[in-house]
């Protein structure tokens, strides 16, 4: 019980230090979301309206699902907790209007993209870039949005690349 309280306090301090101010209940949800991802029960979790919305899928598909197939504005003001956030995921997060993003793994480019657009960022591990499955080149989805600053243009390029990959 005591250690649990200390963990919650540390989590709240880390969020505060990262520039994110969350109420105690939100900090609890944040920790629950991270645990769902760590336990392999979700790839992406959106925290919105005091609720957790976990989703599974490969790559950015869970984020696109939240962006495209929930009610309009579903991500607006939400916190996104994702397994991996690179620039491609960051473009979806920004386009959806999320207020906060946490990546268990986050690329330097994704972090910079989010921060430059006012999204509060935390991460587990910061990496130089997100690699492909073979770990010998940049992820193809990251390549598709490389150098694109406008989030809507990045989403268009990302969707085009996803369709190309599906048609192979």
Protein backbone atom coordinates (compact mmCIF):
# COMPACT_ATOMS: atom_id res chain seq x y z
CA UNK A 1 0.00 0.00 0.00
CA UNK A 2 2.74 2.42 1.00
CA UNK A 3 4.84 1.61 -2.08
CA UNK A 4 1.79 2.00 -4.30
CA UNK A 5 1.28 5.49 -2.89
CA UNK A 6 4.91 6.36 -3.52
CA UNK A 7 4.66 5.11 -7.13
CA UNK A 8 1.58 7.26 -7.72
CA UNK A 9 3.32 10.31 -6.25
CA UNK A 10 6.39 9.69 -8.40
CA UNK A 11 4.22 9.30 -11.50
CA UNK A 12 2.46 12.59 -10.71
CA UNK A 13 5.83 14.31 -10.16
CA UNK A 14 7.19 12.96 -13.44
CA UNK A 15 4.14 14.19 -15.31
CA UNK A 16 4.42 17.60 -13.64
CA UNK A 17 8.14 17.80 -14.39
CA UNK A 18 7.42 16.97 -18.03
CA UNK A 19 5.10 19.96 -18.25
CA UNK A 20 1.92 17.96 -17.95
CA UNK A 21 -0.45 18.73 -15.14
CA UNK A 22 -2.87 15.88 -14.46
CA UNK A 23 -5.32 15.40 -11.66
CA UNK A 24 -4.66 12.43 -9.37
CA UNK A 25 -7.35 10.34 -11.10
CA UNK A 26 -5.84 11.07 -14.49
CA UNK A 27 -2.41 10.04 -13.21
CA UNK A 28 -3.92 6.73 -12.09
CA UNK A 29 -5.46 6.22 -15.54
CA UNK A 30 -2.11 7.10 -17.11
CA UNK A 31 -0.38 4.41 -15.06
CA UNK A 32 -3.14 1.90 -15.93
CA UNK A 33 -2.72 2.71 -19.63
CA UNK A 34 1.04 2.18 -19.44
CA UNK A 35 0.46 -1.14 -17.67
CA UNK A 36 -1.96 -2.32 -20.37
CA UNK A 37 0.75 -1.70 -22.94
CA UNK A 38 3.53 -3.23 -20.82
CA UNK A 39 1.40 -6.35 -20.24
CA UNK A 40 0.71 -6.71 -23.98
CA UNK A 41 -3.03 -6.08 -23.55
CA UNK A 42 -3.04 -3.00 -25.78
CA UNK A 43 -0.84 -1.28 -28.33
CA UNK A 44 -2.47 2.12 -27.87
CA UNK A 45 -4.66 3.57 -25.12
CA UNK A 46 -6.55 6.85 -25.26
CA UNK A 47 -7.48 8.51 -21.98
CA UNK A 48 -10.51 10.69 -22.42
CA UNK A 49 -13.35 11.78 -20.16
CA UNK A 50 -12.02 9.80 -17.22
CA UNK A 51 -12.02 6.53 -19.19
CA UNK A 52 -9.47 4.28 -20.84
CA UNK A 53 -9.94 3.24 -24.47
CA UNK A 54 -7.43 0.46 -25.24
CA UNK A 55 -6.85 -0.78 -28.77
CA UNK A 56 -4.68 -3.40 -30.45
CA UNK A 57 -3.26 -3.50 -33.92
CA UNK A 58 -0.03 -3.17 -35.77
CA UNK A 59 1.96 0.03 -36.24
CA UNK A 60 -0.13 3.18 -36.41
CA UNK A 61 -3.38 1.32 -37.14
CA UNK A 62 -4.75 1.70 -33.58
CA UNK A 63 -4.14 5.46 -33.70
CA UNK A 64 -5.73 5.75 -37.13
CA UNK A 65 -8.70 3.77 -35.82
CA UNK A 66 -9.15 6.29 -33.00
CA UNK A 67 -8.65 9.20 -35.41
CA UNK A 68 -10.93 7.98 -38.20
CA UNK A 69 -13.59 5.69 -36.78
CA UNK A 70 -14.66 7.11 -33.45
CA UNK A 71 -16.95 10.10 -33.18
CA UNK A 72 -15.51 13.31 -34.68
CA UNK A 73 -12.99 14.94 -32.41
CA UNK A 74 -12.45 11.80 -30.32
CA UNK A 75 -8.76 12.58 -29.77
CA UNK A 76 -9.33 16.30 -29.06
CA UNK A 77 -7.80 17.12 -25.67
CA UNK A 78 -7.11 13.44 -24.93
CA UNK A 79 -3.99 11.72 -23.69
CA UNK A 80 -2.54 9.10 -26.04
CA UNK A 81 -0.38 6.35 -24.58
CA UNK A 82 1.23 4.26 -27.31
CA UNK A 83 3.78 1.50 -27.58
CA UNK A 84 5.82 3.34 -30.24
CA UNK A 85 5.56 6.97 -31.33
CA UNK A 86 7.54 8.24 -34.28
CA UNK A 87 6.77 11.10 -36.62
CA UNK A 88 3.98 9.15 -38.36
CA UNK A 89 2.13 8.52 -35.08
CA UNK A 90 2.89 12.09 -34.00
CA UNK A 91 1.17 13.45 -37.13
CA UNK A 92 -1.98 11.47 -36.26
CA UNK A 93 -1.87 12.68 -32.65
CA UNK A 94 -1.47 16.31 -33.74
CA UNK A 95 -4.14 16.03 -36.42
CA UNK A 96 -6.56 14.60 -33.86
CA UNK A 97 -5.87 17.40 -31.40
CA UNK A 98 -4.61 15.31 -28.48
CA UNK A 99 -3.18 17.30 -25.58
CA UNK A 100 -0.66 14.75 -24.32
CA UNK A 101 1.30 11.85 -25.73
CA UNK A 102 3.37 9.16 -24.07
CA UNK A 103 5.37 6.66 -26.05
CA UNK A 104 6.96 3.70 -24.34
CA UNK A 105 9.41 4.15 -27.22
CA UNK A 106 9.53 7.56 -28.90
CA UNK A 107 11.73 8.86 -31.68
CA UNK A 108 13.56 12.16 -31.37
CA UNK A 109 11.76 13.38 -34.51
CA UNK A 110 8.35 12.36 -33.14
CA UNK A 111 9.08 14.12 -29.86
CA UNK A 112 10.18 17.31 -31.60
CA UNK A 113 7.14 17.23 -33.90
CA UNK A 114 4.74 16.88 -30.97
CA UNK A 115 6.42 19.48 -28.79
CA UNK A 116 6.59 22.03 -31.60
CA UNK A 117 2.80 21.78 -31.87
CA UNK A 118 2.10 22.18 -28.16
CA UNK A 119 1.50 18.52 -27.28
CA UNK A 120 2.86 17.61 -23.85
CA UNK A 121 5.25 14.69 -24.18
CA UNK A 122 6.59 11.91 -21.97
CA UNK A 123 8.33 8.71 -22.96
CA UNK A 124 9.92 5.57 -21.62
CA UNK A 125 12.82 5.34 -24.05
CA UNK A 126 13.90 8.01 -26.53
CA UNK A 127 15.49 6.63 -29.71
CA UNK A 128 17.05 8.43 -32.68
CA UNK A 129 14.53 6.94 -35.15
CA UNK A 130 11.95 4.21 -35.66
CA UNK A 131 13.31 1.38 -37.75
CA UNK A 132 11.62 -1.18 -40.00
CA UNK A 133 10.96 -4.76 -38.84
CA UNK A 134 14.37 -5.93 -40.09
CA UNK A 135 16.03 -3.03 -38.22
CA UNK A 136 18.12 -2.16 -41.27
CA UNK A 137 16.36 1.01 -42.46
CA UNK A 138 13.88 3.65 -41.42
CA UNK A 139 10.29 2.41 -40.97
CA UNK A 140 8.40 2.83 -44.27
CA UNK A 141 5.65 4.82 -42.54
CA UNK A 142 8.26 7.14 -41.04
CA UNK A 143 9.74 7.59 -44.53
CA UNK A 144 6.30 8.52 -45.88
CA UNK A 145 6.00 11.54 -43.56
CA UNK A 146 9.65 12.54 -43.46
CA UNK A 147 10.01 16.28 -43.95
CA UNK A 148 6.26 16.96 -44.01
CA UNK A 149 5.35 19.59 -41.42
CA UNK A 150 1.61 19.92 -42.02
CA UNK A 151 -0.20 17.15 -40.09
CA UNK A 152 -3.00 16.81 -42.67
CA UNK A 153 -0.50 16.46 -45.52
CA UNK A 154 1.41 13.93 -43.40
CA UNK A 155 -1.81 11.95 -42.88
CA UNK A 156 -2.48 11.91 -46.62
CA UNK A 157 1.06 10.66 -47.33
CA UNK A 158 0.77 8.11 -44.53
CA UNK A 159 -2.54 6.72 -45.80
CA UNK A 160 -1.15 6.50 -49.34
CA UNK A 161 1.86 4.53 -48.09
CA UNK A 162 -0.34 2.18 -46.05
CA UNK A 163 -2.44 1.44 -49.14
CA UNK A 164 0.72 0.74 -51.15
CA UNK A 165 1.97 -1.66 -48.47
CA UNK A 166 -1.42 -3.43 -48.31
CA UNK A 167 -1.48 -3.96 -52.08
CA UNK A 168 1.82 -5.86 -52.09
